[in-house]
């Protein structure tokens, strides 16, 4: 379970209808945090959550969501959305020969550009007088230094680009928000729609339930310090190589 005594007053989860996002929203609400829960539908099953609508490919919807939060701004923001397999069934490329420009564009739009637009509109809402965290789900395969087998070109590249943006945001935000932390989070392999097509060959015990993944990530977030800002951390709290 997550650490008792959650230090956050309000949280905004962008992607609260997905497996990890929904579990994060639930865990935070259970610990007494007021939760903004964002999804494309703009609805939430739990009436305790403050539902809002957003679409990663629609900046106006992100700006509107941030505007709605202005009078009750979050001190924790998690972008818990992303894509590995596209809606048409296109999965990660195993070879450069399979790269398709349109598919790559969509992967970057959802995994890199969308989270960057969320940051653009919500980072100014973070408090300047106390600790705050902006986190986005990343992936170990976005590490250039840890890449041993290649492949998955669009997904790897989109996460590597996201990691660079998070580093940039950490540097810039640190100039005005001295207690703010920006980080990427690698949740491991979670039993969700994103990983479902790739679960068949996983070793026993490697698949994590969304609720357990949420607990892991919230514990990592709880332990982050300003010195960690700009880094990417796995579900155990260990730094992922750049």
Protein backbone atom coordinates (compact mmCIF):
# COMPACT_ATOMS: atom_id res chain seq x y z
CA UNK A 1 0.00 0.00 0.00
CA UNK A 2 1.00 3.60 -0.44
CA UNK A 3 2.70 5.54 2.32
CA UNK A 4 0.27 6.84 4.95
CA UNK A 5 -0.03 10.60 5.36
CA UNK A 6 -0.17 11.68 1.75
CA UNK A 7 1.34 15.18 1.55
CA UNK A 8 -0.75 16.41 -1.39
CA UNK A 9 -3.90 18.49 -1.15
CA UNK A 10 -5.16 18.08 -4.71
CA UNK A 11 -4.15 15.89 -7.62
CA UNK A 12 -4.95 15.99 -11.31
CA UNK A 13 -4.80 12.71 -13.20
CA UNK A 14 -4.78 13.07 -16.98
CA UNK A 15 -5.86 9.64 -18.19
CA UNK A 16 -7.97 8.59 -15.21
CA UNK A 17 -10.02 6.11 -17.24
CA UNK A 18 -7.03 3.85 -18.00
CA UNK A 19 -5.84 1.04 -15.76
CA UNK A 20 -3.03 2.90 -13.99
CA UNK A 21 -4.74 6.30 -14.06
CA UNK A 22 -7.96 4.96 -12.56
CA UNK A 23 -6.04 3.16 -9.82
CA UNK A 24 -4.04 6.31 -9.03
CA UNK A 25 -7.20 8.40 -8.79
CA UNK A 26 -8.82 5.84 -6.48
CA UNK A 27 -5.80 5.49 -4.20
CA UNK A 28 -5.36 9.25 -3.88
CA UNK A 29 -9.03 9.82 -3.14
CA UNK A 30 -8.91 7.07 -0.50
CA UNK A 31 -6.02 8.86 1.19
CA UNK A 32 -8.00 12.09 1.45
CA UNK A 33 -6.65 13.91 -1.60
CA UNK A 34 -9.09 15.92 -3.71
CA UNK A 35 -8.75 14.44 -7.20
CA UNK A 36 -9.35 15.96 -10.61
CA UNK A 37 -9.93 12.93 -12.88
CA UNK A 38 -9.52 13.56 -16.60
CA UNK A 39 -10.63 11.41 -19.51
CA UNK A 40 -11.86 11.79 -23.07
CA UNK A 41 -15.43 11.14 -21.91
CA UNK A 42 -15.24 13.66 -19.08
CA UNK A 43 -16.97 11.30 -16.66
CA UNK A 44 -15.87 9.35 -13.58
CA UNK A 45 -17.46 6.28 -12.02
CA UNK A 46 -16.66 7.51 -8.51
CA UNK A 47 -18.68 10.59 -7.51
CA UNK A 48 -15.89 11.57 -5.13
CA UNK A 49 -13.73 12.46 -8.15
CA UNK A 50 -13.95 15.80 -9.93
CA UNK A 51 -14.29 14.65 -13.53
CA UNK A 52 -13.07 16.72 -16.46
CA UNK A 53 -12.74 16.17 -20.19
CA UNK A 54 -9.53 16.38 -22.17
CA UNK A 55 -8.04 14.99 -25.35
CA UNK A 56 -4.27 14.79 -25.77
CA UNK A 57 -4.63 15.71 -29.44
CA UNK A 58 -6.76 18.79 -28.68
CA UNK A 59 -4.84 21.59 -26.95
CA UNK A 60 -8.00 23.65 -26.46
CA UNK A 61 -9.45 20.87 -24.28
CA UNK A 62 -6.28 20.77 -22.18
CA UNK A 63 -6.30 24.56 -21.78
CA UNK A 64 -9.97 24.45 -20.75
CA UNK A 65 -9.25 21.76 -18.17
CA UNK A 66 -6.40 23.78 -16.69
CA UNK A 67 -8.64 26.84 -16.61
CA UNK A 68 -11.28 24.92 -14.66
CA UNK A 69 -8.64 23.98 -12.08
CA UNK A 70 -7.35 27.51 -11.58
CA UNK A 71 -9.45 28.19 -8.48
CA UNK A 72 -8.55 24.81 -6.93
CA UNK A 73 -5.15 24.01 -8.43
CA UNK A 74 -3.37 20.68 -7.95
CA UNK A 75 -0.02 20.18 -6.29
CA UNK A 76 0.32 16.74 -7.90
CA UNK A 77 -0.22 16.20 -11.62
CA UNK A 78 0.20 12.82 -13.30
CA UNK A 79 -0.08 12.27 -17.04
CA UNK A 80 -1.12 8.62 -17.02
CA UNK A 81 -2.00 8.20 -20.67
CA UNK A 82 -0.11 6.98 -23.70
CA UNK A 83 -0.17 4.51 -26.54
CA UNK A 84 1.79 1.43 -27.59
CA UNK A 85 -0.62 -0.15 -30.07
CA UNK A 86 -2.69 2.21 -32.22
CA UNK A 87 -6.45 1.99 -32.65
CA UNK A 88 -6.05 0.31 -36.05
CA UNK A 89 -4.01 -2.48 -34.48
CA UNK A 90 -0.62 -1.18 -35.56
CA UNK A 91 1.88 -2.27 -32.96
CA UNK A 92 5.53 -1.45 -32.24
CA UNK A 93 7.81 -1.84 -35.25
CA UNK A 94 10.28 -4.73 -35.02
CA UNK A 95 12.35 -3.35 -37.90
CA UNK A 96 13.09 0.02 -39.45
CA UNK A 97 11.53 -1.44 -42.60
CA UNK A 98 8.14 -1.27 -40.86
CA UNK A 99 8.30 2.43 -39.99
CA UNK A 100 5.25 4.30 -41.22
CA UNK A 101 5.29 8.08 -41.07
CA UNK A 102 1.63 8.53 -40.21
CA UNK A 103 1.75 5.91 -37.45
CA UNK A 104 4.92 7.43 -36.01
CA UNK A 105 3.30 10.86 -36.06
CA UNK A 106 0.34 9.57 -34.04
CA UNK A 107 2.55 7.83 -31.49
CA UNK A 108 4.54 11.02 -30.93
CA UNK A 109 1.35 13.09 -30.76
CA UNK A 110 0.00 10.93 -27.93
CA UNK A 111 3.17 9.97 -26.06
CA UNK A 112 5.23 13.15 -26.39
CA UNK A 113 3.36 16.17 -27.70
CA UNK A 114 0.21 15.58 -25.65
CA UNK A 115 2.02 15.39 -22.28
CA UNK A 116 4.06 18.46 -23.27
CA UNK A 117 0.84 20.41 -23.86
CA UNK A 118 -0.48 19.28 -20.48
CA UNK A 119 2.72 20.60 -18.91
CA UNK A 120 2.38 23.88 -20.79
CA UNK A 121 -1.00 24.56 -19.23
CA UNK A 122 -0.75 23.01 -15.75
CA UNK A 123 2.81 23.78 -14.64
CA UNK A 124 1.86 27.44 -14.02
CA UNK A 125 -0.83 26.22 -11.61
CA UNK A 126 1.61 24.49 -9.26
CA UNK A 127 2.19 26.23 -5.91
CA UNK A 128 5.40 28.15 -5.38
CA UNK A 129 5.39 27.99 -1.59
CA UNK A 130 5.48 24.22 -1.05
CA UNK A 131 6.40 20.88 -2.62
CA UNK A 132 4.66 19.89 -5.84
CA UNK A 133 5.13 17.16 -8.43
CA UNK A 134 4.47 16.87 -12.14
CA UNK A 135 4.95 13.29 -13.36
CA UNK A 136 4.34 11.51 -16.63
CA UNK A 137 4.33 7.80 -17.34
CA UNK A 138 7.44 6.94 -19.30
CA UNK A 139 9.11 3.60 -20.03
CA UNK A 140 12.46 1.93 -19.57
CA UNK A 141 12.59 1.34 -23.32
CA UNK A 142 12.85 5.12 -23.71
CA UNK A 143 16.35 4.93 -22.24
CA UNK A 144 19.06 5.36 -24.87
CA UNK A 145 21.77 4.03 -22.57
CA UNK A 146 19.75 0.95 -21.65
CA UNK A 147 18.78 0.04 -25.22
CA UNK A 148 20.24 -3.39 -25.98
CA UNK A 149 17.97 -4.96 -28.60
CA UNK A 150 16.57 -2.09 -30.69
CA UNK A 151 13.16 -2.21 -32.34
CA UNK A 152 9.93 -0.58 -31.19
CA UNK A 153 11.19 2.52 -32.95
CA UNK A 154 8.27 4.94 -32.59
CA UNK A 155 7.49 3.98 -29.00
CA UNK A 156 11.12 4.10 -27.87
CA UNK A 157 11.74 7.41 -29.61
CA UNK A 158 8.54 9.00 -28.31
CA UNK A 159 9.43 8.09 -24.73
CA UNK A 160 13.04 9.22 -25.14
CA UNK A 161 11.74 12.55 -26.41
CA UNK A 162 9.31 12.76 -23.50
CA UNK A 163 12.17 12.17 -21.08
CA UNK A 164 14.13 15.04 -22.63
CA UNK A 165 11.12 17.34 -22.33
CA UNK A 166 10.69 16.41 -18.67
CA UNK A 167 14.33 17.33 -18.06
CA UNK A 168 13.79 20.66 -19.81
CA UNK A 169 10.64 21.37 -17.79
CA UNK A 170 12.47 20.52 -14.56
CA UNK A 171 15.21 23.03 -15.30
CA UNK A 172 12.81 25.80 -16.29
CA UNK A 173 10.29 25.22 -13.50
CA UNK A 174 13.07 25.07 -10.92
CA UNK A 175 13.85 28.72 -11.54
CA UNK A 176 10.48 29.86 -10.21
CA UNK A 177 9.19 26.88 -8.18
CA UNK A 178 12.04 25.96 -5.86
CA UNK A 179 10.24 22.98 -4.31
CA UNK A 180 8.74 21.59 -7.53
CA UNK A 181 9.70 18.19 -8.93
CA UNK A 182 9.27 16.98 -12.51
CA UNK A 183 9.81 13.29 -13.19
CA UNK A 184 9.12 10.40 -15.53
CA UNK A 185 7.80 7.16 -14.05
CA UNK A 186 8.29 3.64 -15.38
CA UNK A 187 5.51 1.51 -13.87
CA UNK A 188 6.78 -1.86 -15.04
CA UNK A 189 4.52 -4.20 -17.02
CA UNK A 190 0.99 -3.55 -15.80
CA UNK A 191 -2.12 -5.56 -16.58
CA UNK A 192 -3.76 -2.93 -18.76
CA UNK A 193 -5.06 -2.38 -22.27
CA UNK A 194 -1.64 -1.03 -23.30
CA UNK A 195 0.23 -4.22 -22.39
CA UNK A 196 -2.49 -6.77 -23.18
CA UNK A 197 -1.19 -7.71 -26.67
CA UNK A 198 2.24 -8.51 -25.20
CA UNK A 199 1.35 -10.44 -22.04
CA UNK A 200 1.42 -13.98 -23.43
CA UNK A 201 5.17 -14.48 -23.21
CA UNK A 202 5.79 -12.71 -19.91
CA UNK A 203 7.57 -14.69 -17.17
CA UNK A 204 5.39 -15.64 -14.22
CA UNK A 205 5.07 -12.83 -11.69
CA UNK A 206 6.16 -10.05 -14.02
CA UNK A 207 2.64 -8.68 -14.63
CA UNK A 208 1.50 -6.12 -12.04
CA UNK A 209 -2.10 -5.33 -11.10
CA UNK A 210 -3.08 -1.67 -11.68
CA UNK A 211 -3.81 -1.14 -7.98
CA UNK A 212 -0.36 -2.45 -7.04
CA UNK A 213 1.25 -0.33 -9.76
CA UNK A 214 -0.51 2.75 -8.38
CA UNK A 215 0.77 2.01 -4.88
CA UNK A 216 4.29 1.54 -6.24
CA UNK A 217 4.24 4.80 -8.16
CA UNK A 218 2.75 6.82 -5.32
CA UNK A 219 5.49 5.53 -3.02
CA UNK A 220 8.09 6.58 -5.59
CA UNK A 221 6.50 10.02 -5.91
CA UNK A 222 6.42 10.37 -2.13
CA UNK A 223 10.16 9.72 -1.97
CA UNK A 224 11.25 12.11 -4.72
CA UNK A 225 13.28 15.19 -3.79
CA UNK A 226 14.12 18.35 -5.68
CA UNK A 227 17.49 16.79 -6.48
CA UNK A 228 15.62 14.07 -8.44
CA UNK A 229 13.78 16.57 -10.64
CA UNK A 230 14.28 15.87 -14.32
CA UNK A 231 14.96 12.17 -13.85
CA UNK A 232 13.06 9.03 -14.76
CA UNK A 233 12.42 6.41 -12.07
CA UNK A 234 11.10 2.88 -12.16
CA UNK A 235 8.44 1.39 -9.90
CA UNK A 236 11.09 0.51 -7.32
CA UNK A 237 12.36 4.08 -7.17
CA UNK A 238 15.57 3.31 -9.06
CA UNK A 239 16.80 5.83 -11.63
CA UNK A 240 16.42 4.80 -15.27
CA UNK A 241 19.52 5.64 -17.37
CA UNK A 242 19.12 8.51 -19.82
